[in-house]
Amino acid sequence: MDTIRFRFSLSVPRDAKYVPTVRRLAVQAARYASCREADAETFGGSVEKAMRLCLQEPSPADDISVLVHRDAGPVEVRVNGHAVTVEP
């Protein structure tokens, strides 16, 4: 793992109390990839919106899947398939 290529995934319970945690993970990933602070914060806000959208969608699953990755391009966070990206 380095600032150019990284990937991690997690599952979080379908509960609004985990939204800030996922937002912070997104901001940290953007910072790690050398995004500007304002861009990292905006990215985190977009990921938060994606999380809240997933909480509103009906689902039989108890968890929400979150994938954070970068492969020599933008940082991407996928929240149950909803993709949010930011360019470093």
PDB file of N, CA and C in Angstrom:
ATOM      1  N   MET A   1       0.847  -1.178   0.000  1.00  0.00           N
ATOM      2  CA  MET A   1       0.000   0.000   0.000  1.00  0.00           C
ATOM      3  C   MET A   1       0.888   1.234   0.000  1.00  0.00           C
ATOM      4  N   ASP A   2       0.538   2.182  -0.850  1.00  0.00           N
ATOM      5  CA  ASP A   2       1.220   3.473  -0.883  1.00  0.00           C
ATOM      6  C   ASP A   2       0.204   4.539  -1.276  1.00  0.00           C
ATOM      7  N   THR A   3       0.657   5.761  -1.453  1.00  0.00           N
ATOM      8  CA  THR A   3      -0.287   6.845  -1.739  1.00  0.00           C
ATOM      9  C   THR A   3      -0.848   6.779  -3.154  1.00  0.00           C
ATOM     10  N   ILE A   4      -0.244   5.978  -4.024  1.00  0.00           N
ATOM     11  CA  ILE A   4      -0.693   5.847  -5.403  1.00  0.00           C
ATOM     12  C   ILE A   4      -1.726   4.724  -5.548  1.00  0.00           C
ATOM     13  N   ARG A   5      -1.503   3.625  -4.830  1.00  0.00           N
ATOM     14  CA  ARG A   5      -2.394   2.462  -4.914  1.00  0.00           C
ATOM     15  C   ARG A   5      -2.726   1.968  -3.510  1.00  0.00           C
ATOM     16  N   PHE A   6      -4.000   1.956  -3.208  1.00  0.00           N
ATOM     17  CA  PHE A   6      -4.445   1.369  -1.952  1.00  0.00           C
ATOM     18  C   PHE A   6      -5.877   0.896  -2.093  1.00  0.00           C
ATOM     19  N   ARG A   7      -6.262   0.004  -1.217  1.00  0.00           N
ATOM     20  CA  ARG A   7      -7.608  -0.571  -1.270  1.00  0.00           C
ATOM     21  C   ARG A   7      -7.926  -1.162   0.095  1.00  0.00           C
ATOM     22  N   PHE A   8      -9.060  -0.787   0.609  1.00  0.00           N
ATOM     23  CA  PHE A   8      -9.573  -1.474   1.792  1.00  0.00           C
ATOM     24  C   PHE A   8     -11.086  -1.455   1.757  1.00  0.00           C
ATOM     25  N   SER A   9     -11.647  -2.469   2.347  1.00  0.00           N
ATOM     26  CA  SER A   9     -13.103  -2.581   2.361  1.00  0.00           C
ATOM     27  C   SER A   9     -13.565  -2.911   3.768  1.00  0.00           C
ATOM     28  N   LEU A  10     -14.778  -2.526   4.034  1.00  0.00           N
ATOM     29  CA  LEU A  10     -15.367  -2.802   5.330  1.00  0.00           C
ATOM     30  C   LEU A  10     -16.875  -2.873   5.194  1.00  0.00           C
ATOM     31  N   SER A  11     -17.477  -3.440   6.173  1.00  0.00           N
ATOM     32  CA  SER A  11     -18.935  -3.459   6.284  1.00  0.00           C
ATOM     33  C   SER A  11     -19.289  -2.751   7.571  1.00  0.00           C
ATOM     34  N   VAL A  12     -20.245  -1.863   7.495  1.00  0.00           N
ATOM     35  CA  VAL A  12     -20.699  -1.155   8.690  1.00  0.00           C
ATOM     36  C   VAL A  12     -22.179  -1.450   8.899  1.00  0.00           C
ATOM     37  N   PRO A  13     -22.592  -1.529  10.138  1.00  0.00           N
ATOM     38  CA  PRO A  13     -24.018  -1.759  10.390  1.00  0.00           C
ATOM     39  C   PRO A  13     -24.873  -0.656   9.769  1.00  0.00           C
ATOM     40  N   ARG A  14     -26.058  -1.024   9.362  1.00  0.00           N
ATOM     41  CA  ARG A  14     -27.009  -0.085   8.771  1.00  0.00           C
ATOM     42  C   ARG A  14     -27.573   0.782   9.893  1.00  0.00           C
ATOM     43  N   ASP A  15     -26.754   1.755  10.324  1.00  0.00           N
ATOM     44  CA  ASP A  15     -27.100   2.601  11.460  1.00  0.00           C
ATOM     45  C   ASP A  15     -26.451   3.969  11.232  1.00  0.00           C
ATOM     46  N   ALA A  16     -27.214   5.013  11.405  1.00  0.00           N
ATOM     47  CA  ALA A  16     -26.727   6.380  11.148  1.00  0.00           C
ATOM     48  C   ALA A  16     -25.548   6.772  12.028  1.00  0.00           C
ATOM     49  N   LYS A  17     -25.367   6.115  13.150  1.00  0.00           N
ATOM     50  CA  LYS A  17     -24.241   6.500  14.017  1.00  0.00           C
ATOM     51  C   LYS A  17     -22.888   6.198  13.376  1.00  0.00           C
ATOM     52  N   TYR A  18     -22.865   5.389  12.293  1.00  0.00           N
ATOM     53  CA  TYR A  18     -21.602   5.076  11.609  1.00  0.00           C
ATOM     54  C   TYR A  18     -21.302   6.016  10.443  1.00  0.00           C
ATOM     55  N   VAL A  19     -22.208   6.897  10.121  1.00  0.00           N
ATOM     56  CA  VAL A  19     -21.997   7.836   9.011  1.00  0.00           C
ATOM     57  C   VAL A  19     -20.761   8.709   9.248  1.00  0.00           C
ATOM     58  N   PRO A  20     -20.575   9.305  10.429  1.00  0.00           N
ATOM     59  CA  PRO A  20     -19.372  10.126  10.638  1.00  0.00           C
ATOM     60  C   PRO A  20     -18.065   9.330  10.507  1.00  0.00           C
ATOM     61  N   THR A  21     -18.094   8.071  10.895  1.00  0.00           N
ATOM     62  CA  THR A  21     -16.899   7.237  10.781  1.00  0.00           C
ATOM     63  C   THR A  21     -16.517   7.036   9.322  1.00  0.00           C
ATOM     64  N   VAL A  22     -17.490   6.726   8.486  1.00  0.00           N
ATOM     65  CA  VAL A  22     -17.212   6.524   7.066  1.00  0.00           C
ATOM     66  C   VAL A  22     -16.775   7.832   6.431  1.00  0.00           C
ATOM     67  N   ARG A  23     -17.376   8.935   6.830  1.00  0.00           N
ATOM     68  CA  ARG A  23     -16.944  10.243   6.314  1.00  0.00           C
ATOM     69  C   ARG A  23     -15.477  10.494   6.660  1.00  0.00           C
ATOM     70  N   ARG A  24     -15.100  10.241   7.911  1.00  0.00           N
ATOM     71  CA  ARG A  24     -13.706  10.461   8.326  1.00  0.00           C
ATOM     72  C   ARG A  24     -12.743   9.557   7.561  1.00  0.00           C
ATOM     73  N   LEU A  25     -13.148   8.317   7.286  1.00  0.00           N
ATOM     74  CA  LEU A  25     -12.303   7.422   6.492  1.00  0.00           C
ATOM     75  C   LEU A  25     -12.086   7.984   5.085  1.00  0.00           C
ATOM     76  N   ALA A  26     -13.133   8.514   4.495  1.00  0.00           N
ATOM     77  CA  ALA A  26     -13.022   9.095   3.154  1.00  0.00           C
ATOM     78  C   ALA A  26     -12.092  10.310   3.157  1.00  0.00           C
ATOM     79  N   VAL A  27     -12.251  11.168   4.137  1.00  0.00           N
ATOM     80  CA  VAL A  27     -11.387  12.356   4.235  1.00  0.00           C
ATOM     81  C   VAL A  27      -9.934  11.934   4.425  1.00  0.00           C
ATOM     82  N   GLN A  28      -9.703  10.950   5.287  1.00  0.00           N
ATOM     83  CA  GLN A  28      -8.338  10.486   5.531  1.00  0.00           C
ATOM     84  C   GLN A  28      -7.732   9.873   4.271  1.00  0.00           C
ATOM     85  N   ALA A  29      -8.512   9.105   3.526  1.00  0.00           N
ATOM     86  CA  ALA A  29      -8.003   8.516   2.280  1.00  0.00           C
ATOM     87  C   ALA A  29      -7.622   9.611   1.291  1.00  0.00           C
ATOM     88  N   ALA A  30      -8.441  10.638   1.177  1.00  0.00           N
ATOM     89  CA  ALA A  30      -8.133  11.748   0.273  1.00  0.00           C
ATOM     90  C   ALA A  30      -6.876  12.491   0.720  1.00  0.00           C
ATOM     91  N   ARG A  31      -6.748  12.718   2.002  1.00  0.00           N
ATOM     92  CA  ARG A  31      -5.535  13.378   2.518  1.00  0.00           C
ATOM     93  C   ARG A  31      -4.308  12.522   2.238  1.00  0.00           C
ATOM     94  N   TYR A  32      -4.436  11.228   2.465  1.00  0.00           N
ATOM     95  CA  TYR A  32      -3.327  10.298   2.242  1.00  0.00           C
ATOM     96  C   TYR A  32      -2.867  10.342   0.790  1.00  0.00           C
ATOM     97  N   ALA A  33      -3.809  10.534  -0.127  1.00  0.00           N
ATOM     98  CA  ALA A  33      -3.494  10.608  -1.558  1.00  0.00           C
ATOM     99  C   ALA A  33      -3.052  12.009  -1.977  1.00  0.00           C
ATOM    100  N   SER A  34      -2.855  12.903  -1.008  1.00  0.00           N
ATOM    101  CA  SER A  34      -2.361  14.269  -1.238  1.00  0.00           C
ATOM    102  C   SER A  34      -3.387  15.210  -1.847  1.00  0.00           C
ATOM    103  N   CYS A  35      -4.666  14.976  -1.580  1.00  0.00           N
ATOM    104  CA  CYS A  35      -5.694  15.927  -2.002  1.00  0.00           C
ATOM    105  C   CYS A  35      -5.592  17.184  -1.141  1.00  0.00           C
ATOM    106  N   ARG A  36      -5.994  18.298  -1.702  1.00  0.00           N
ATOM    107  CA  ARG A  36      -6.049  19.524  -0.914  1.00  0.00           C
ATOM    108  C   ARG A  36      -7.081  19.365   0.190  1.00  0.00           C
ATOM    109  N   GLU A  37      -6.884  20.051   1.286  1.00  0.00           N
ATOM    110  CA  GLU A  37      -7.767  19.910   2.454  1.00  0.00           C
ATOM    111  C   GLU A  37      -9.223  20.196   2.116  1.00  0.00           C
ATOM    112  N   ALA A  38      -9.470  21.269   1.384  1.00  0.00           N
ATOM    113  CA  ALA A  38     -10.855  21.617   1.033  1.00  0.00           C
ATOM    114  C   ALA A  38     -11.485  20.522   0.170  1.00  0.00           C
ATOM    115  N   ASP A  39     -10.703  19.963  -0.764  1.00  0.00           N
ATOM    116  CA  ASP A  39     -11.217  18.887  -1.613  1.00  0.00           C
ATOM    117  C   ASP A  39     -11.501  17.631  -0.795  1.00  0.00           C
ATOM    118  N   ALA A  40     -10.621  17.343   0.166  1.00  0.00           N
ATOM    119  CA  ALA A  40     -10.823  16.171   1.022  1.00  0.00           C
ATOM    120  C   ALA A  40     -12.104  16.322   1.838  1.00  0.00           C
ATOM    121  N   GLU A  41     -12.348  17.502   2.365  1.00  0.00           N
ATOM    122  CA  GLU A  41     -13.558  17.734   3.166  1.00  0.00           C
ATOM    123  C   GLU A  41     -14.822  17.663   2.310  1.00  0.00           C
ATOM    124  N   THR A  42     -14.760  18.225   1.115  1.00  0.00           N
ATOM    125  CA  THR A  42     -15.899  18.153   0.200  1.00  0.00           C
ATOM    126  C   THR A  42     -16.180  16.696  -0.177  1.00  0.00           C
ATOM    127  N   PHE A  43     -15.132  15.957  -0.438  1.00  0.00           N
ATOM    128  CA  PHE A  43     -15.239  14.527  -0.742  1.00  0.00           C
ATOM    129  C   PHE A  43     -15.914  13.791   0.421  1.00  0.00           C
ATOM    130  N   GLY A  44     -15.469  14.077   1.625  1.00  0.00           N
ATOM    131  CA  GLY A  44     -16.084  13.453   2.800  1.00  0.00           C
ATOM    132  C   GLY A  44     -17.571  13.755   2.886  1.00  0.00           C
ATOM    133  N   GLY A  45     -17.954  14.979   2.572  1.00  0.00           N
ATOM    134  CA  GLY A  45     -19.368  15.351   2.583  1.00  0.00           C
ATOM    135  C   GLY A  45     -20.166  14.579   1.547  1.00  0.00           C
ATOM    136  N   SER A  46     -19.574  14.360   0.388  1.00  0.00           N
ATOM    137  CA  SER A  46     -20.251  13.588  -0.658  1.00  0.00           C
ATOM    138  C   SER A  46     -20.403  12.126  -0.259  1.00  0.00           C
ATOM    139  N   VAL A  47     -19.396  11.582   0.396  1.00  0.00           N
ATOM    140  CA  VAL A  47     -19.476  10.201   0.881  1.00  0.00           C
ATOM    141  C   VAL A  47     -20.541  10.101   1.974  1.00  0.00           C
ATOM    142  N   GLU A  48     -20.604  11.110   2.821  1.00  0.00           N
ATOM    143  CA  GLU A  48     -21.648  11.132   3.853  1.00  0.00           C
ATOM    144  C   GLU A  48     -23.037  11.104   3.214  1.00  0.00           C
ATOM    145  N   LYS A  49     -23.230  11.877   2.166  1.00  0.00           N
ATOM    146  CA  LYS A  49     -24.526  11.889   1.470  1.00  0.00           C
ATOM    147  C   LYS A  49     -24.848  10.509   0.896  1.00  0.00           C
ATOM    148  N   ALA A  50     -23.834   9.846   0.334  1.00  0.00           N
ATOM    149  CA  ALA A  50     -24.040   8.500  -0.212  1.00  0.00           C
ATOM    150  C   ALA A  50     -24.433   7.523   0.902  1.00  0.00           C
ATOM    151  N   MET A  51     -23.802   7.657   2.052  1.00  0.00           N
ATOM    152  CA  MET A  51     -24.152   6.797   3.192  1.00  0.00           C
ATOM    153  C   MET A  51     -25.594   7.041   3.613  1.00  0.00           C
ATOM    154  N   ARG A  52     -25.977   8.281   3.726  1.00  0.00           N
ATOM    155  CA  ARG A  52     -27.349   8.602   4.149  1.00  0.00           C
ATOM    156  C   ARG A  52     -28.373   8.111   3.118  1.00  0.00           C
ATOM    157  N   LEU A  53     -28.014   8.189   1.847  1.00  0.00           N
ATOM    158  CA  LEU A  53     -28.889   7.668   0.803  1.00  0.00           C
ATOM    159  C   LEU A  53     -29.081   6.155   0.982  1.00  0.00           C
ATOM    160  N   CYS A  54     -28.001   5.456   1.256  1.00  0.00           N
ATOM    161  CA  CYS A  54     -28.087   4.007   1.472  1.00  0.00           C
ATOM    162  C   CYS A  54     -28.964   3.671   2.672  1.00  0.00           C
ATOM    163  N   LEU A  55     -28.909   4.486   3.693  1.00  0.00           N
ATOM    164  CA  LEU A  55     -29.741   4.245   4.876  1.00  0.00           C
ATOM    165  C   LEU A  55     -31.224   4.409   4.564  1.00  0.00           C
ATOM    166  N   GLN A  56     -31.540   5.234   3.575  1.00  0.00           N
ATOM    167  CA  GLN A  56     -32.939   5.457   3.200  1.00  0.00           C
ATOM    168  C   GLN A  56     -33.462   4.397   2.244  1.00  0.00           C
ATOM    169  N   GLU A  57     -32.563   3.729   1.540  1.00  0.00           N
ATOM    170  CA  GLU A  57     -32.976   2.702   0.587  1.00  0.00           C
ATOM    171  C   GLU A  57     -33.396   1.433   1.320  1.00  0.00           C
ATOM    172  N   PRO A  58     -34.501   0.833   0.898  1.00  0.00           N
ATOM    173  CA  PRO A  58     -34.890  -0.429   1.522  1.00  0.00           C
ATOM    174  C   PRO A  58     -33.865  -1.516   1.186  1.00  0.00           C
ATOM    175  N   SER A  59     -33.531  -2.322   2.166  1.00  0.00           N
ATOM    176  CA  SER A  59     -32.550  -3.385   1.952  1.00  0.00           C
ATOM    177  C   SER A  59     -32.745  -4.478   2.986  1.00  0.00           C
ATOM    178  N   PRO A  60     -32.625  -5.717   2.559  1.00  0.00           N
ATOM    179  CA  PRO A  60     -32.704  -6.816   3.525  1.00  0.00           C
ATOM    180  C   PRO A  60     -31.389  -7.004   4.288  1.00  0.00           C
ATOM    181  N   ALA A  61     -30.322  -6.373   3.810  1.00  0.00           N
ATOM    182  CA  ALA A  61     -29.001  -6.533   4.439  1.00  0.00           C
ATOM    183  C   ALA A  61     -28.910  -5.721   5.724  1.00  0.00           C
ATOM    184  N   ASP A  62     -28.208  -6.277   6.685  1.00  0.00           N
ATOM    185  CA  ASP A  62     -27.979  -5.587   7.956  1.00  0.00           C
ATOM    186  C   ASP A  62     -26.794  -4.637   7.894  1.00  0.00           C
ATOM    187  N   ASP A  63     -25.952  -4.802   6.862  1.00  0.00           N
ATOM    188  CA  ASP A  63     -24.722  -4.018   6.746  1.00  0.00           C
ATOM    189  C   ASP A  63     -24.683  -3.235   5.445  1.00  0.00           C
ATOM    190  N   ILE A  64     -23.843  -2.223   5.433  1.00  0.00           N
ATOM    191  CA  ILE A  64     -23.554  -1.438   4.236  1.00  0.00           C
ATOM    192  C   ILE A  64     -22.100  -1.700   3.876  1.00  0.00           C
ATOM    193  N   SER A  65     -21.839  -2.045   2.616  1.00  0.00           N
ATOM    194  CA  SER A  65     -20.457  -2.292   2.197  1.00  0.00           C
ATOM    195  C   SER A  65     -19.810  -0.972   1.774  1.00  0.00           C
ATOM    196  N   VAL A  66     -18.563  -0.814   2.180  1.00  0.00           N
ATOM    197  CA  VAL A  66     -17.797   0.389   1.854  1.00  0.00           C
ATOM    198  C   VAL A  66     -16.453  -0.054   1.294  1.00  0.00           C
ATOM    199  N   LEU A  67     -16.123   0.429   0.123  1.00  0.00           N
ATOM    200  CA  LEU A  67     -14.837   0.148  -0.504  1.00  0.00           C
ATOM    201  C   LEU A  67     -14.141   1.477  -0.736  1.00  0.00           C
ATOM    202  N   VAL A  68     -12.912   1.596  -0.259  1.00  0.00           N
ATOM    203  CA  VAL A  68     -12.091   2.798  -0.451  1.00  0.00           C
ATOM    204  C   VAL A  68     -10.880   2.359  -1.254  1.00  0.00           C
ATOM    205  N   HIS A  69     -10.657   2.990  -2.415  1.00  0.00           N
ATOM    206  CA  HIS A  69      -9.493   2.562  -3.190  1.00  0.00           C
ATOM    207  C   HIS A  69      -8.980   3.657  -4.107  1.00  0.00           C
ATOM    208  N   ARG A  70      -7.756   3.416  -4.527  1.00  0.00           N
ATOM    209  CA  ARG A  70      -7.099   4.269  -5.518  1.00  0.00           C
ATOM    210  C   ARG A  70      -6.137   3.399  -6.291  1.00  0.00           C
ATOM    211  N   ASP A  71      -6.110   3.561  -7.597  1.00  0.00           N
ATOM    212  CA  ASP A  71      -5.185   2.819  -8.446  1.00  0.00           C
ATOM    213  C   ASP A  71      -4.566   3.787  -9.445  1.00  0.00           C
ATOM    214  N   ALA A  72      -3.674   4.636  -8.938  1.00  0.00           N
ATOM    215  CA  ALA A  72      -2.957   5.621  -9.759  1.00  0.00           C
ATOM    216  C   ALA A  72      -3.890   6.610 -10.448  1.00  0.00           C
ATOM    217  N   GLY A  73      -5.028   6.858  -9.865  1.00  0.00           N
ATOM    218  CA  GLY A  73      -5.983   7.824 -10.406  1.00  0.00           C
ATOM    219  C   GLY A  73      -6.708   8.485  -9.260  1.00  0.00           C
ATOM    220  N   PRO A  74      -8.004   8.720  -9.441  1.00  0.00           N
ATOM    221  CA  PRO A  74      -8.756   9.354  -8.358  1.00  0.00           C
ATOM    222  C   PRO A  74      -8.949   8.402  -7.173  1.00  0.00           C
ATOM    223  N   VAL A  75      -9.198   8.979  -6.033  1.00  0.00           N
ATOM    224  CA  VAL A  75      -9.613   8.205  -4.870  1.00  0.00           C
ATOM    225  C   VAL A  75     -11.104   7.948  -5.055  1.00  0.00           C
ATOM    226  N   GLU A  76     -11.517   6.724  -4.829  1.00  0.00           N
ATOM    227  CA  GLU A  76     -12.920   6.379  -4.980  1.00  0.00           C
ATOM    228  C   GLU A  76     -13.422   5.684  -3.723  1.00  0.00           C
ATOM    229  N   VAL A  77     -14.604   6.059  -3.309  1.00  0.00           N
ATOM    230  CA  VAL A  77     -15.303   5.359  -2.234  1.00  0.00           C
ATOM    231  C   VAL A  77     -16.612   4.869  -2.830  1.00  0.00           C
ATOM    232  N   ARG A  78     -16.860   3.572  -2.673  1.00  0.00           N
ATOM    233  CA  ARG A  78     -18.121   2.973  -3.114  1.00  0.00           C
ATOM    234  C   ARG A  78     -18.900   2.567  -1.875  1.00  0.00           C
ATOM    235  N   VAL A  79     -20.085   3.113  -1.763  1.00  0.00           N
ATOM    236  CA  VAL A  79     -20.975   2.820  -0.642  1.00  0.00           C
ATOM    237  C   VAL A  79     -22.161   2.056  -1.214  1.00  0.00           C
ATOM    238  N   ASN A  80     -22.186   0.750  -0.978  1.00  0.00           N
ATOM    239  CA  ASN A  80     -23.222  -0.112  -1.570  1.00  0.00           C
ATOM    240  C   ASN A  80     -23.385   0.163  -3.054  1.00  0.00           C
ATOM    241  N   GLY A  81     -22.281   0.356  -3.753  1.00  0.00           N
ATOM    242  CA  GLY A  81     -22.318   0.573  -5.204  1.00  0.00           C
ATOM    243  C   GLY A  81     -22.390   2.025  -5.635  1.00  0.00           C
ATOM    244  N   HIS A  82     -22.707   2.938  -4.742  1.00  0.00           N
ATOM    245  CA  HIS A  82     -22.729   4.373  -5.068  1.00  0.00           C
ATOM    246  C   HIS A  82     -21.281   4.881  -5.042  1.00  0.00           C
ATOM    247  N   ALA A  83     -20.770   5.309  -6.189  1.00  0.00           N
ATOM    248  CA  ALA A  83     -19.371   5.737  -6.281  1.00  0.00           C
ATOM    249  C   ALA A  83     -19.225   7.237  -6.110  1.00  0.00           C
ATOM    250  N   VAL A  84     -18.230   7.609  -5.321  1.00  0.00           N
ATOM    251  CA  VAL A  84     -17.858   9.019  -5.121  1.00  0.00           C
ATOM    252  C   VAL A  84     -16.348   9.092  -5.353  1.00  0.00           C
ATOM    253  N   THR A  85     -15.892  10.071  -6.142  1.00  0.00           N
ATOM    254  CA  THR A  85     -14.460  10.168  -6.443  1.00  0.00           C
ATOM    255  C   THR A  85     -13.942  11.587  -6.185  1.00  0.00           C
ATOM    256  N   VAL A  86     -12.612  11.638  -6.016  1.00  0.00           N
ATOM    257  CA  VAL A  86     -11.921  12.924  -5.907  1.00  0.00           C
ATOM    258  C   VAL A  86     -10.541  12.745  -6.530  1.00  0.00           C
ATOM    259  N   GLU A  87     -10.117  13.755  -7.273  1.00  0.00           N
ATOM    260  CA  GLU A  87      -8.790  13.757  -7.890  1.00  0.00           C
ATOM    261  C   GLU A  87      -7.784  14.384  -6.937  1.00  0.00           C
ATOM    262  N   PRO A  88      -6.669  13.722  -6.735  1.00  0.00           N
ATOM    263  CA  PRO A  88      -5.601  14.329  -5.894  1.00  0.00           C
ATOM    264  C   PRO A  88      -4.903  15.470  -6.605  1.00  0.00           C
TER     265      PRO A  88
END
